Amino acid sequence: MKNNINKKEQVEVMALFGYEMTPCQPLSFKKRGQVGETEVTGLLGTHIKFVGDVAIHFFDVVAGKTKYVLAFNSKDLSWHIAAA
């Protein structure tokens, strides 16, 4: 089965791992060609989807007044914006 997350926009994410009860918390992200980073101002929720042997971790976040879904691929360690 092909993972369709790879078709979404790849981003660079600064994340804090091992934070309290949340094992990972995105702090900011940067799209390709973007000047500066977008600061994550709130974490709304998380969930995991398994695609074959790969766990995709989804983070529902707020940056300013805009909601985003950031996806972390546990196999290749890449981040993508899954929705905005």
C-alpha atoms as a PDB file:
ATOM      1  CA  MET A   1       0.000   0.000   0.000  1.00  0.00           C
ATOM      2  CA  LYS A   2       1.408   3.389  -0.984  1.00  0.00           C
ATOM      3  CA  ASN A   3       1.481   6.034   1.753  1.00  0.00           C
ATOM      4  CA  ASN A   4      -0.332   9.105   0.385  1.00  0.00           C
ATOM      5  CA  ILE A   5       1.155  11.348   3.081  1.00  0.00           C
ATOM      6  CA  ASN A   6       4.279  11.606   0.901  1.00  0.00           C
ATOM      7  CA  LYS A   7       2.225  13.532  -1.688  1.00  0.00           C
ATOM      8  CA  LYS A   8       1.638  16.353   0.821  1.00  0.00           C
ATOM      9  CA  GLU A   9       3.956  19.301   1.325  1.00  0.00           C
ATOM     10  CA  GLN A  10       7.090  18.399   3.241  1.00  0.00           C
ATOM     11  CA  VAL A  11       8.085  20.821   6.007  1.00  0.00           C
ATOM     12  CA  GLU A  12      10.904  21.282   8.500  1.00  0.00           C
ATOM     13  CA  VAL A  13       9.654  21.007  12.077  1.00  0.00           C
ATOM     14  CA  MET A  14      11.252  22.009  15.360  1.00  0.00           C
ATOM     15  CA  ALA A  15       9.784  19.666  17.963  1.00  0.00           C
ATOM     16  CA  LEU A  16      10.267  18.907  21.621  1.00  0.00           C
ATOM     17  CA  PHE A  17      10.466  15.182  22.356  1.00  0.00           C
ATOM     18  CA  GLY A  18       9.700  13.673  25.757  1.00  0.00           C
ATOM     19  CA  TYR A  19       7.630  16.618  27.020  1.00  0.00           C
ATOM     20  CA  GLU A  20       5.418  15.769  30.041  1.00  0.00           C
ATOM     21  CA  MET A  21       2.553  13.483  28.977  1.00  0.00           C
ATOM     22  CA  THR A  22       3.015  14.280  25.276  1.00  0.00           C
ATOM     23  CA  PRO A  23       5.976  12.325  23.841  1.00  0.00           C
ATOM     24  CA  CYS A  24       6.365  14.854  20.999  1.00  0.00           C
ATOM     25  CA  GLN A  25       5.190  18.444  20.621  1.00  0.00           C
ATOM     26  CA  PRO A  26       5.775  20.498  17.443  1.00  0.00           C
ATOM     27  CA  LEU A  27       7.013  23.993  18.337  1.00  0.00           C
ATOM     28  CA  SER A  28       7.362  25.551  14.880  1.00  0.00           C
ATOM     29  CA  PHE A  29       7.503  24.614  11.206  1.00  0.00           C
ATOM     30  CA  LYS A  30       8.879  26.031   7.992  1.00  0.00           C
ATOM     31  CA  LYS A  31       7.630  25.430   4.461  1.00  0.00           C
ATOM     32  CA  ARG A  32      10.054  25.187   1.549  1.00  0.00           C
ATOM     33  CA  GLY A  33      11.011  28.681   0.392  1.00  0.00           C
ATOM     34  CA  GLN A  34       9.410  30.327   3.437  1.00  0.00           C
ATOM     35  CA  VAL A  35      11.396  33.047   5.168  1.00  0.00           C
ATOM     36  CA  GLY A  36      11.253  32.471   8.910  1.00  0.00           C
ATOM     37  CA  GLU A  37       9.328  29.864  10.835  1.00  0.00           C
ATOM     38  CA  THR A  38       5.649  29.549  11.712  1.00  0.00           C
ATOM     39  CA  GLU A  39       5.288  29.265  15.490  1.00  0.00           C
ATOM     40  CA  VAL A  40       2.856  26.671  16.812  1.00  0.00           C
ATOM     41  CA  THR A  41       0.752  28.419  19.455  1.00  0.00           C
ATOM     42  CA  GLY A  42      -1.387  25.459  20.500  1.00  0.00           C
ATOM     43  CA  LEU A  43      -1.625  21.681  20.349  1.00  0.00           C
ATOM     44  CA  LEU A  44      -5.263  20.619  19.897  1.00  0.00           C
ATOM     45  CA  GLY A  45      -4.776  16.857  19.762  1.00  0.00           C
ATOM     46  CA  THR A  46      -2.827  13.914  18.402  1.00  0.00           C
ATOM     47  CA  HIS A  47      -3.581  10.541  16.839  1.00  0.00           C
ATOM     48  CA  ILE A  48      -1.722   7.729  15.078  1.00  0.00           C
ATOM     49  CA  LYS A  49      -2.544   5.904  11.850  1.00  0.00           C
ATOM     50  CA  PHE A  50      -0.720   2.732  10.831  1.00  0.00           C
ATOM     51  CA  VAL A  51       0.017   2.315   7.114  1.00  0.00           C
ATOM     52  CA  GLY A  52       1.581  -1.103   6.689  1.00  0.00           C
ATOM     53  CA  ASP A  53       4.587  -1.179   9.018  1.00  0.00           C
ATOM     54  CA  VAL A  54       4.744   2.629   9.322  1.00  0.00           C
ATOM     55  CA  ALA A  55       3.194   4.697  12.094  1.00  0.00           C
ATOM     56  CA  ILE A  56       2.099   8.169  10.995  1.00  0.00           C
ATOM     57  CA  HIS A  57       1.666  10.536  13.945  1.00  0.00           C
ATOM     58  CA  PHE A  58      -0.791  13.387  13.353  1.00  0.00           C
ATOM     59  CA  PHE A  59      -0.679  16.626  15.335  1.00  0.00           C
ATOM     60  CA  ASP A  60      -3.624  19.024  15.177  1.00  0.00           C
ATOM     61  CA  VAL A  61      -2.032  22.397  15.875  1.00  0.00           C
ATOM     62  CA  VAL A  62      -2.843  26.096  15.789  1.00  0.00           C
ATOM     63  CA  ALA A  63      -0.438  28.719  14.502  1.00  0.00           C
ATOM     64  CA  GLY A  64      -1.876  32.153  15.154  1.00  0.00           C
ATOM     65  CA  LYS A  65      -5.505  31.786  14.038  1.00  0.00           C
ATOM     66  CA  THR A  66      -4.881  29.037  11.473  1.00  0.00           C
ATOM     67  CA  LYS A  67      -5.324  25.307  12.159  1.00  0.00           C
ATOM     68  CA  TYR A  68      -2.900  22.805  10.622  1.00  0.00           C
ATOM     69  CA  VAL A  69      -2.402  19.062  10.726  1.00  0.00           C
ATOM     70  CA  LEU A  70       1.261  18.093  10.839  1.00  0.00           C
ATOM     71  CA  ALA A  71       2.137  14.466  10.097  1.00  0.00           C
ATOM     72  CA  PHE A  72       5.307  12.718  11.265  1.00  0.00           C
ATOM     73  CA  ASN A  73       6.400   9.557   9.440  1.00  0.00           C
ATOM     74  CA  SER A  74       8.067   7.246  11.975  1.00  0.00           C
ATOM     75  CA  LYS A  75       9.941   5.280   9.309  1.00  0.00           C
ATOM     76  CA  ASP A  76      11.732   8.003   7.341  1.00  0.00           C
ATOM     77  CA  LEU A  77      11.432  10.671  10.096  1.00  0.00           C
ATOM     78  CA  SER A  78       9.888  13.200   7.706  1.00  0.00           C
ATOM     79  CA  TRP A  79       7.249  15.827   8.495  1.00  0.00           C
ATOM     80  CA  HIS A  80       4.431  16.942   6.196  1.00  0.00           C
ATOM     81  CA  ILE A  81       1.488  19.302   6.333  1.00  0.00           C
ATOM     82  CA  ALA A  82      -1.388  16.865   5.928  1.00  0.00           C
ATOM     83  CA  ALA A  83      -4.069  19.589   5.974  1.00  0.00           C
ATOM     84  CA  ALA A  84      -4.444  23.304   6.558  1.00  0.00           C
END
